């Protein structure tokens, strides 16, 4: 589904930062996801809107696709199992598949915490978040590239942001 929202629809969602979000519209009455990104909106902003529009399946698809980009950074088989369970829910969103995705996500949480604590990779957290998103219908996920130093982190984040924008626009058309 394409995201297209008016100023009025946005205000109906009662955003905390309505002024900043309304400023993205400029003189336009409506914004598509692509136009919003070009105006300075973040993926998080658009996921918030998608959540309010009840685009649960697309949000989970985006979370999964983002996590799949980083899964190679964590060799724990539970991470891939969580992603597979999430994909199963996307393919067949039954209560049984939701419960399986949630259980797989819970099994990964310790791995994700250890990765964050060691600062080895934020990608593991994204993988856990993706699986949890399927289980809990979370509407937002933030993924970032791992960092060895500040310069490498900035470059990796820029590359990841562009990749996420491309993924987002493919999923939400």
N, C-alpha and C. Protein backbone atom coordinates (compact mmCIF):
# COMPACT_ATOMS: atom_id res chain seq x y z
N UNK A 1 0.84 -1.19 0.00
CA UNK A 1 0.00 0.00 0.00
C UNK A 1 0.88 1.24 0.00
N UNK A 2 0.51 2.19 -0.78
CA UNK A 2 1.23 3.46 -0.84
C UNK A 2 0.82 4.33 0.33
N UNK A 3 1.81 4.95 0.95
CA UNK A 3 1.50 5.92 2.01
C UNK A 3 1.31 7.28 1.34
N UNK A 4 0.13 7.84 1.56
CA UNK A 4 -0.20 9.18 1.10
C UNK A 4 -1.06 9.79 2.19
N UNK A 5 -0.60 10.88 2.75
CA UNK A 5 -1.28 11.44 3.92
C UNK A 5 -1.44 12.94 3.76
N UNK A 6 -2.56 13.44 4.23
CA UNK A 6 -2.81 14.88 4.20
C UNK A 6 -2.39 15.48 5.53
N UNK A 7 -2.32 16.79 5.57
CA UNK A 7 -2.03 17.49 6.82
C UNK A 7 -3.10 17.16 7.86
N UNK A 8 -4.34 17.15 7.44
CA UNK A 8 -5.44 16.88 8.35
C UNK A 8 -5.36 15.47 8.93
N UNK A 9 -5.06 14.51 8.06
CA UNK A 9 -4.93 13.13 8.53
C UNK A 9 -3.78 13.02 9.54
N UNK A 10 -2.69 13.68 9.24
CA UNK A 10 -1.55 13.67 10.16
C UNK A 10 -1.95 14.23 11.52
N UNK A 11 -2.64 15.36 11.51
CA UNK A 11 -3.07 15.97 12.77
C UNK A 11 -4.05 15.07 13.54
N UNK A 12 -4.87 14.31 12.81
CA UNK A 12 -5.79 13.37 13.46
C UNK A 12 -5.04 12.31 14.26
N UNK A 13 -3.79 12.03 13.88
CA UNK A 13 -2.97 11.04 14.59
C UNK A 13 -2.32 11.62 15.84
N UNK A 14 -2.44 12.92 16.06
CA UNK A 14 -1.91 13.61 17.25
C UNK A 14 -0.41 13.37 17.47
N UNK A 15 0.41 13.73 16.50
CA UNK A 15 1.85 13.54 16.71
C UNK A 15 2.38 14.49 17.78
N UNK A 16 3.36 14.02 18.54
CA UNK A 16 3.96 14.86 19.59
C UNK A 16 4.63 16.10 18.99
N UNK A 17 5.23 15.93 17.84
CA UNK A 17 5.97 17.01 17.20
C UNK A 17 5.26 17.48 15.93
N UNK A 18 4.00 17.84 16.09
CA UNK A 18 3.16 18.21 14.95
C UNK A 18 3.77 19.32 14.12
N UNK A 19 4.36 20.32 14.76
CA UNK A 19 4.94 21.43 14.01
C UNK A 19 6.02 20.99 13.05
N UNK A 20 6.93 20.13 13.53
CA UNK A 20 8.01 19.64 12.66
C UNK A 20 7.45 18.80 11.53
N UNK A 21 6.52 17.97 11.86
CA UNK A 21 5.96 17.09 10.82
C UNK A 21 5.13 17.86 9.80
N UNK A 22 4.38 18.85 10.25
CA UNK A 22 3.60 19.67 9.31
C UNK A 22 4.52 20.48 8.41
N UNK A 23 5.66 20.91 8.93
CA UNK A 23 6.60 21.69 8.14
C UNK A 23 7.10 20.90 6.93
N UNK A 24 7.09 19.58 7.01
CA UNK A 24 7.54 18.75 5.90
C UNK A 24 6.65 18.94 4.66
N UNK A 25 5.40 19.31 4.88
CA UNK A 25 4.46 19.47 3.78
C UNK A 25 4.76 20.69 2.93
N UNK A 26 5.37 21.71 3.52
CA UNK A 26 5.54 22.95 2.78
C UNK A 26 4.18 23.43 2.33
N UNK A 27 4.02 23.64 1.04
CA UNK A 27 2.73 24.10 0.49
C UNK A 27 1.86 22.96 -0.03
N UNK A 28 2.37 21.72 0.08
CA UNK A 28 1.61 20.58 -0.43
C UNK A 28 0.49 20.20 0.53
N UNK A 29 -0.61 19.76 -0.06
CA UNK A 29 -1.75 19.31 0.75
C UNK A 29 -1.55 17.86 1.19
N UNK A 30 -0.92 17.07 0.35
CA UNK A 30 -0.65 15.66 0.63
C UNK A 30 0.83 15.38 0.46
N UNK A 31 1.31 14.34 1.14
CA UNK A 31 2.67 13.85 0.95
C UNK A 31 2.65 12.34 0.77
N UNK A 32 3.43 11.87 -0.18
CA UNK A 32 3.68 10.44 -0.29
C UNK A 32 4.91 10.13 0.57
N UNK A 33 5.19 8.86 0.75
CA UNK A 33 6.37 8.47 1.52
C UNK A 33 7.63 9.04 0.87
N UNK A 34 7.73 8.94 -0.43
CA UNK A 34 8.92 9.43 -1.13
C UNK A 34 9.06 10.95 -0.94
N UNK A 35 7.97 11.67 -1.08
CA UNK A 35 8.02 13.12 -0.90
C UNK A 35 8.39 13.49 0.53
N UNK A 36 7.87 12.74 1.49
CA UNK A 36 8.19 13.01 2.90
C UNK A 36 9.67 12.79 3.16
N UNK A 37 10.24 11.70 2.62
CA UNK A 37 11.67 11.45 2.78
C UNK A 37 12.49 12.56 2.15
N UNK A 38 12.09 12.99 0.97
CA UNK A 38 12.80 14.07 0.28
C UNK A 38 12.72 15.38 1.06
N UNK A 39 11.65 15.56 1.83
CA UNK A 39 11.46 16.78 2.62
C UNK A 39 12.17 16.72 3.97
N UNK A 40 12.74 15.55 4.30
CA UNK A 40 13.48 15.44 5.55
C UNK A 40 12.89 14.51 6.60
N UNK A 41 11.82 13.83 6.28
CA UNK A 41 11.26 12.85 7.22
C UNK A 41 12.23 11.69 7.35
N UNK A 42 12.17 11.01 8.48
CA UNK A 42 13.01 9.84 8.71
C UNK A 42 12.19 8.58 8.48
N UNK A 43 12.90 7.47 8.37
CA UNK A 43 12.22 6.18 8.29
C UNK A 43 11.35 5.99 9.54
N UNK A 44 11.85 6.40 10.69
CA UNK A 44 11.06 6.29 11.92
C UNK A 44 9.77 7.08 11.83
N UNK A 45 9.85 8.29 11.24
CA UNK A 45 8.63 9.09 11.04
C UNK A 45 7.63 8.32 10.20
N UNK A 46 8.10 7.74 9.12
CA UNK A 46 7.19 7.04 8.20
C UNK A 46 6.66 5.75 8.81
N UNK A 47 7.48 5.07 9.60
CA UNK A 47 6.98 3.89 10.28
C UNK A 47 5.90 4.25 11.30
N UNK A 48 6.07 5.39 11.94
CA UNK A 48 5.05 5.88 12.87
C UNK A 48 3.73 6.09 12.12
N UNK A 49 3.81 6.74 10.96
CA UNK A 49 2.60 6.96 10.15
C UNK A 49 2.02 5.62 9.70
N UNK A 50 2.88 4.73 9.22
CA UNK A 50 2.41 3.42 8.76
C UNK A 50 1.70 2.67 9.89
N UNK A 51 2.23 2.80 11.08
CA UNK A 51 1.58 2.17 12.23
C UNK A 51 0.20 2.75 12.48
N UNK A 52 0.09 4.06 12.39
CA UNK A 52 -1.21 4.72 12.59
C UNK A 52 -2.19 4.34 11.48
N UNK A 53 -1.66 4.05 10.30
CA UNK A 53 -2.50 3.62 9.17
C UNK A 53 -2.79 2.11 9.24
N UNK A 54 -2.31 1.47 10.28
CA UNK A 54 -2.51 0.04 10.52
C UNK A 54 -1.93 -0.83 9.41
N UNK A 55 -0.76 -0.47 8.94
CA UNK A 55 -0.06 -1.24 7.91
C UNK A 55 0.92 -2.21 8.58
N UNK A 56 0.38 -3.02 9.47
CA UNK A 56 1.17 -3.93 10.29
C UNK A 56 2.05 -4.85 9.46
N UNK A 57 1.47 -5.50 8.48
CA UNK A 57 2.22 -6.48 7.70
C UNK A 57 3.40 -5.82 6.99
N UNK A 58 3.19 -4.65 6.40
CA UNK A 58 4.28 -3.95 5.72
C UNK A 58 5.35 -3.50 6.71
N UNK A 59 4.95 -3.09 7.90
CA UNK A 59 5.93 -2.70 8.92
C UNK A 59 6.80 -3.90 9.30
N UNK A 60 6.17 -5.05 9.45
CA UNK A 60 6.93 -6.25 9.79
C UNK A 60 7.83 -6.64 8.62
N UNK A 61 7.33 -6.53 7.40
CA UNK A 61 8.17 -6.82 6.23
C UNK A 61 9.40 -5.93 6.20
N UNK A 62 9.21 -4.65 6.50
CA UNK A 62 10.35 -3.74 6.52
C UNK A 62 11.33 -4.11 7.62
N UNK A 63 10.83 -4.41 8.80
CA UNK A 63 11.70 -4.80 9.91
C UNK A 63 12.49 -6.05 9.56
N UNK A 64 11.83 -7.01 8.97
CA UNK A 64 12.49 -8.25 8.57
C UNK A 64 13.56 -7.99 7.51
N UNK A 65 13.21 -7.23 6.49
CA UNK A 65 14.18 -6.94 5.42
C UNK A 65 15.40 -6.20 5.97
N UNK A 66 15.18 -5.30 6.91
CA UNK A 66 16.30 -4.58 7.53
C UNK A 66 17.17 -5.53 8.33
N UNK A 67 16.54 -6.40 9.09
CA UNK A 67 17.30 -7.37 9.89
C UNK A 67 18.07 -8.35 9.00
N UNK A 68 17.47 -8.75 7.90
CA UNK A 68 18.14 -9.68 6.99
C UNK A 68 19.42 -9.07 6.41
N UNK A 69 19.45 -7.75 6.29
CA UNK A 69 20.66 -7.09 5.79
C UNK A 69 21.82 -7.24 6.77
N UNK A 70 21.50 -7.45 8.04
CA UNK A 70 22.54 -7.47 9.07
C UNK A 70 22.73 -8.84 9.73
N UNK A 71 21.93 -9.81 9.37
CA UNK A 71 21.98 -11.10 10.07
C UNK A 71 23.35 -11.76 9.96
N UNK A 72 24.09 -11.48 8.93
CA UNK A 72 25.41 -12.09 8.77
C UNK A 72 26.38 -11.68 9.88
N UNK A 73 26.05 -10.64 10.63
CA UNK A 73 26.90 -10.18 11.72
C UNK A 73 26.71 -11.00 13.00
N UNK A 74 25.73 -11.88 13.00
CA UNK A 74 25.47 -12.70 14.18
C UNK A 74 25.28 -14.14 13.74
N UNK A 75 26.20 -14.99 14.11
CA UNK A 75 26.16 -16.39 13.66
C UNK A 75 25.27 -17.29 14.53
N UNK A 76 24.68 -16.75 15.57
CA UNK A 76 23.81 -17.55 16.43
C UNK A 76 22.63 -18.05 15.59
N UNK A 77 22.43 -19.35 15.51
CA UNK A 77 21.33 -19.88 14.67
C UNK A 77 19.95 -19.44 15.14
N UNK A 78 19.83 -19.02 16.40
CA UNK A 78 18.53 -18.55 16.90
C UNK A 78 18.10 -17.27 16.19
N UNK A 79 19.08 -16.46 15.76
CA UNK A 79 18.74 -15.22 15.06
C UNK A 79 18.07 -15.56 13.73
N UNK A 80 18.68 -16.47 12.97
CA UNK A 80 18.07 -16.86 11.69
C UNK A 80 16.74 -17.54 11.92
N UNK A 81 16.62 -18.33 12.98
CA UNK A 81 15.34 -18.98 13.30
C UNK A 81 14.27 -17.92 13.57
N UNK A 82 14.63 -16.86 14.25
CA UNK A 82 13.66 -15.79 14.53
C UNK A 82 13.23 -15.11 13.23
N UNK A 83 14.18 -14.88 12.34
CA UNK A 83 13.84 -14.26 11.05
C UNK A 83 12.96 -15.19 10.22
N UNK A 84 13.28 -16.49 10.25
CA UNK A 84 12.45 -17.46 9.52
C UNK A 84 11.03 -17.50 10.08
N UNK A 85 10.91 -17.43 11.41
CA UNK A 85 9.58 -17.44 12.03
C UNK A 85 8.81 -16.17 11.66
N UNK A 86 9.52 -15.06 11.57
CA UNK A 86 8.87 -13.82 11.16
C UNK A 86 8.38 -13.93 9.72
N UNK A 87 9.21 -14.50 8.84
CA UNK A 87 8.80 -14.68 7.44
C UNK A 87 7.59 -15.60 7.37
N UNK A 88 7.55 -16.63 8.21
CA UNK A 88 6.39 -17.53 8.21
C UNK A 88 5.12 -16.77 8.58
N UNK A 89 5.22 -15.83 9.56
CA UNK A 89 4.05 -15.03 9.93
C UNK A 89 3.63 -14.13 8.77
N UNK A 90 4.61 -13.53 8.09
CA UNK A 90 4.29 -12.66 6.94
C UNK A 90 3.55 -13.47 5.88
N UNK A 91 4.04 -14.68 5.60
CA UNK A 91 3.43 -15.52 4.58
C UNK A 91 2.05 -16.03 5.00
N UNK A 92 1.87 -16.24 6.30
CA UNK A 92 0.61 -16.81 6.81
C UNK A 92 0.39 -16.26 8.21
N UNK A 93 -0.23 -15.07 8.33
CA UNK A 93 -0.35 -14.40 9.63
C UNK A 93 -1.39 -15.01 10.57
N UNK A 94 -1.10 -16.23 10.99
CA UNK A 94 -1.98 -16.91 11.94
C UNK A 94 -1.50 -16.67 13.37
N UNK A 95 -2.36 -16.96 14.32
CA UNK A 95 -1.99 -16.86 15.73
C UNK A 95 -0.85 -17.83 16.05
N UNK A 96 -0.89 -19.00 15.46
CA UNK A 96 0.17 -20.00 15.68
C UNK A 96 1.53 -19.47 15.20
N UNK A 97 1.55 -18.87 14.02
CA UNK A 97 2.81 -18.31 13.51
C UNK A 97 3.26 -17.09 14.31
N UNK A 98 2.30 -16.31 14.80
CA UNK A 98 2.66 -15.17 15.64
C UNK A 98 3.33 -15.65 16.92
N UNK A 99 2.75 -16.66 17.53
CA UNK A 99 3.31 -17.21 18.77
C UNK A 99 4.70 -17.79 18.52
N UNK A 100 4.88 -18.46 17.39
CA UNK A 100 6.19 -19.02 17.07
C UNK A 100 7.22 -17.92 16.85
N UNK A 101 6.82 -16.84 16.18
CA UNK A 101 7.73 -15.72 15.96
C UNK A 101 8.11 -15.06 17.28
N UNK A 102 7.14 -14.93 18.16
CA UNK A 102 7.41 -14.32 19.47
C UNK A 102 8.36 -15.19 20.27
N UNK A 103 8.14 -16.50 20.27
CA UNK A 103 9.01 -17.41 21.01
C UNK A 103 10.43 -17.36 20.45
N UNK A 104 10.55 -17.30 19.14
CA UNK A 104 11.87 -17.22 18.52
C UNK A 104 12.55 -15.91 18.87
N UNK A 105 11.79 -14.83 18.90
CA UNK A 105 12.35 -13.53 19.26
C UNK A 105 12.85 -13.53 20.70
N UNK A 106 12.08 -14.13 21.59
CA UNK A 106 12.49 -14.21 22.99
C UNK A 106 13.79 -15.00 23.14
N UNK A 107 13.95 -16.03 22.34
CA UNK A 107 15.18 -16.83 22.39
C UNK A 107 16.38 -16.02 21.93
N UNK A 108 16.15 -15.03 21.10
CA UNK A 108 17.23 -14.21 20.55
C UNK A 108 17.59 -13.03 21.46
N UNK A 109 16.70 -12.63 22.33
CA UNK A 109 16.93 -11.42 23.13
C UNK A 109 18.25 -11.42 23.87
N UNK A 110 18.64 -12.54 24.47
CA UNK A 110 19.91 -12.60 25.19
C UNK A 110 21.07 -12.36 24.23
N UNK A 111 20.99 -12.91 23.04
CA UNK A 111 22.03 -12.71 22.05
C UNK A 111 22.12 -11.23 21.66
N UNK A 112 20.97 -10.63 21.46
CA UNK A 112 20.96 -9.21 21.06
C UNK A 112 21.52 -8.34 22.18
N UNK A 113 21.14 -8.62 23.41
CA UNK A 113 21.66 -7.84 24.54
C UNK A 113 23.17 -7.95 24.64
N UNK A 114 23.68 -9.16 24.47
CA UNK A 114 25.13 -9.35 24.55
C UNK A 114 25.84 -8.59 23.43
N UNK A 115 25.25 -8.59 22.25
CA UNK A 115 25.87 -7.87 21.13
C UNK A 115 25.89 -6.38 21.39
N UNK A 116 24.79 -5.85 21.94
CA UNK A 116 24.75 -4.43 22.26
C UNK A 116 25.76 -4.11 23.36
N UNK A 117 25.79 -4.94 24.39
CA UNK A 117 26.68 -4.67 25.52
C UNK A 117 28.14 -4.70 25.06
N UNK A 118 28.46 -5.56 24.16
CA UNK A 118 29.83 -5.66 23.66
C UNK A 118 30.10 -4.67 22.55
N UNK A 119 29.10 -3.97 22.10
CA UNK A 119 29.20 -3.01 21.00
C UNK A 119 29.74 -3.66 19.73
N UNK A 120 29.53 -4.96 19.60
CA UNK A 120 30.00 -5.66 18.41
C UNK A 120 29.11 -5.38 17.22
N UNK A 121 27.79 -5.26 17.47
CA UNK A 121 26.89 -4.98 16.35
C UNK A 121 25.51 -4.60 16.85
N UNK A 122 24.97 -3.51 16.33
CA UNK A 122 23.59 -3.17 16.63
C UNK A 122 22.66 -3.98 15.73
N UNK A 123 23.22 -4.61 14.75
CA UNK A 123 22.42 -5.39 13.81
C UNK A 123 21.71 -6.55 14.50
N UNK A 124 22.35 -7.13 15.51
CA UNK A 124 21.70 -8.23 16.23
C UNK A 124 20.42 -7.74 16.89
N UNK A 125 20.45 -6.52 17.40
CA UNK A 125 19.25 -5.96 18.01
C UNK A 125 18.17 -5.77 16.95
N UNK A 126 18.58 -5.40 15.74
CA UNK A 126 17.61 -5.24 14.67
C UNK A 126 16.96 -6.58 14.33
N UNK A 127 17.76 -7.64 14.34
CA UNK A 127 17.21 -8.96 14.06
C UNK A 127 16.19 -9.35 15.14
N UNK A 128 16.54 -9.09 16.39
CA UNK A 128 15.61 -9.39 17.47
C UNK A 128 14.37 -8.51 17.35
N UNK A 129 14.56 -7.27 17.01
CA UNK A 129 13.43 -6.36 16.86
C UNK A 129 12.51 -6.80 15.73
N UNK A 130 13.10 -7.32 14.66
CA UNK A 130 12.28 -7.77 13.54
C UNK A 130 11.39 -8.93 13.94
N UNK A 131 11.96 -9.88 14.64
CA UNK A 131 11.17 -11.02 15.09
C UNK A 131 10.12 -10.57 16.10
N UNK A 132 10.50 -9.69 16.99
CA UNK A 132 9.56 -9.19 17.99
C UNK A 132 8.45 -8.40 17.32
N UNK A 133 8.78 -7.70 16.24
CA UNK A 133 7.77 -6.93 15.53
C UNK A 133 6.66 -7.83 15.02
N UNK A 134 7.03 -8.99 14.54
CA UNK A 134 6.01 -9.91 14.06
C UNK A 134 5.14 -10.38 15.21
N UNK A 135 5.75 -10.63 16.33
CA UNK A 135 5.00 -11.14 17.46
C UNK A 135 4.17 -10.05 18.11
N UNK A 136 4.71 -8.89 18.26
CA UNK A 136 4.03 -7.84 19.01
C UNK A 136 3.43 -6.77 18.12
N UNK A 137 3.55 -6.93 16.83
CA UNK A 137 3.05 -5.96 15.86
C UNK A 137 3.63 -4.58 16.14
N UNK A 138 4.90 -4.56 16.44
CA UNK A 138 5.57 -3.29 16.67
C UNK A 138 5.59 -2.50 15.38
N UNK A 139 5.55 -1.20 15.48
CA UNK A 139 5.46 -0.37 14.29
C UNK A 139 6.73 0.39 13.99
N UNK A 140 7.76 0.09 14.70
CA UNK A 140 8.98 0.83 14.39
C UNK A 140 10.18 -0.05 14.64
N UNK A 141 11.18 0.16 13.89
CA UNK A 141 12.44 -0.53 14.10
C UNK A 141 13.56 0.38 13.64
N UNK A 142 14.57 0.42 14.40
CA UNK A 142 15.74 1.17 13.99
C UNK A 142 16.89 0.19 13.85
N UNK A 143 17.53 0.22 12.69
CA UNK A 143 18.72 -0.59 12.48
C UNK A 143 19.87 0.33 12.16
N UNK A 144 21.03 -0.03 12.63
CA UNK A 144 22.22 0.77 12.35
C UNK A 144 23.35 -0.17 12.04
N UNK A 145 24.31 0.32 11.34
CA UNK A 145 25.49 -0.48 11.02
C UNK A 145 26.42 -0.49 12.22
N UNK A 146 27.25 -1.54 12.31
CA UNK A 146 28.21 -1.60 13.42
C UNK A 146 29.30 -0.56 13.17
N UNK A 147 29.99 -0.18 14.26
CA UNK A 147 31.00 0.88 14.13
C UNK A 147 32.31 0.47 14.79
N UNK A 148 33.40 0.69 14.11
CA UNK A 148 34.73 0.50 14.68
C UNK A 148 35.26 1.85 15.13
N UNK A 149 35.03 2.87 14.35
CA UNK A 149 35.37 4.23 14.74
C UNK A 149 34.33 5.18 14.19
N UNK A 150 34.38 6.42 14.60
CA UNK A 150 33.32 7.37 14.25
C UNK A 150 33.21 7.59 12.75
N UNK A 151 34.30 7.66 12.05
CA UNK A 151 34.25 7.89 10.60
C UNK A 151 33.61 6.71 9.88
N UNK A 152 34.01 5.51 10.27
CA UNK A 152 33.43 4.32 9.66
C UNK A 152 31.95 4.21 9.99
N UNK A 153 31.59 4.57 11.20
CA UNK A 153 30.19 4.51 11.61
C UNK A 153 29.34 5.47 10.80
N UNK A 154 29.82 6.68 10.61
CA UNK A 154 29.06 7.67 9.84
C UNK A 154 28.86 7.19 8.41
N UNK A 155 29.91 6.67 7.80
CA UNK A 155 29.80 6.18 6.42
C UNK A 155 28.85 4.98 6.35
N UNK A 156 28.98 4.06 7.30
CA UNK A 156 28.13 2.88 7.31
C UNK A 156 26.67 3.25 7.55
N UNK A 157 26.44 4.21 8.43
CA UNK A 157 25.06 4.65 8.69
C UNK A 157 24.44 5.29 7.45
N UNK A 158 25.22 6.07 6.73
CA UNK A 158 24.71 6.71 5.51
C UNK A 158 24.33 5.65 4.48
N UNK A 159 25.17 4.65 4.33
CA UNK A 159 24.89 3.56 3.39
C UNK A 159 23.64 2.80 3.84
N UNK A 160 23.56 2.52 5.13
CA UNK A 160 22.41 1.78 5.65
C UNK A 160 21.13 2.60 5.51
N UNK A 161 21.20 3.90 5.74
CA UNK A 161 20.02 4.74 5.59
C UNK A 161 19.51 4.69 4.16
N UNK A 162 20.40 4.79 3.20
CA UNK A 162 19.98 4.72 1.79
C UNK A 162 19.37 3.37 1.47
N UNK A 163 19.96 2.30 2.00
CA UNK A 163 19.41 0.97 1.77
C UNK A 163 18.03 0.84 2.40
N UNK A 164 17.85 1.40 3.60
CA UNK A 164 16.56 1.32 4.26
C UNK A 164 15.51 2.15 3.52
N UNK A 165 15.91 3.28 3.00
CA UNK A 165 14.97 4.09 2.21
C UNK A 165 14.50 3.30 1.00
N UNK A 166 15.45 2.66 0.31
CA UNK A 166 15.09 1.85 -0.86
C UNK A 166 14.14 0.72 -0.46
N UNK A 167 14.47 0.01 0.62
CA UNK A 167 13.60 -1.08 1.10
C UNK A 167 12.21 -0.55 1.46
N UNK A 168 12.19 0.55 2.18
CA UNK A 168 10.91 1.12 2.61
C UNK A 168 10.03 1.45 1.40
N UNK A 169 10.62 2.13 0.41
CA UNK A 169 9.83 2.52 -0.77
C UNK A 169 9.41 1.31 -1.60
N UNK A 170 10.19 0.22 -1.58
CA UNK A 170 9.78 -0.99 -2.28
C UNK A 170 8.59 -1.65 -1.58
N UNK A 171 8.65 -1.69 -0.26
CA UNK A 171 7.59 -2.36 0.50
C UNK A 171 6.31 -1.53 0.56
N UNK A 172 6.46 -0.24 0.77
CA UNK A 172 5.29 0.63 0.90
C UNK A 172 4.92 1.31 -0.42
N UNK A 173 5.67 1.02 -1.46
CA UNK A 173 5.45 1.55 -2.81
C UNK A 173 5.15 3.01 -2.76
